[in-house]
Amino acid sequence: MARTKPYPPDATIADILPDLPDGEAYLRQVLVTMRMCQKHYGDAWVRIGVSGKAAPPSYRIDRSDPTSDGVERVLFGAYGGKSHDRFTQTNTAETWWSSRALGMAEMLKLQDGFRRPQGGADARVVSGAEGGSGS
């Protein structure tokens, strides 16, 4: 179903994920991009575009600014929500971005929600299947 109005100005992926047609695939691709940033710069945060009505929304990945002792964040890249193609500088500048961001730990918790069984007779325990720490 198409959205009829833009997202709230402080929306995060956690807020909009339940309404996405394939939220798990969207989340997975955003995490791939965040991991690229994290690999090169140490950490990553994601904010969604709130100026449009697209579902899934565009998103931007920010990283720590090394000139500010990691306090400030700067753009790593912005991407289309459906294609996950990188935005041009003009597209990035013309998009209104959410005032709130999620870090890698918060995004991994969202992904974990897809992996955990939701109950019922077919629920399977997957803890330990990937050799993780269980957190």
Foldseek 3Di string as FASTA:
>chain_A
DWFPAFDPQADALVRCLVVAPCSLVLLVLVLVVQVVCCVPANWKKKWFFGHDRDVVTKMWIWGADVVVVRPDIDTPFIAGSPPRDTDDPVVVVPTRIHPDIDIPVVSVVVNVVVVAFPDDDPGDDCPCVVPDPRD
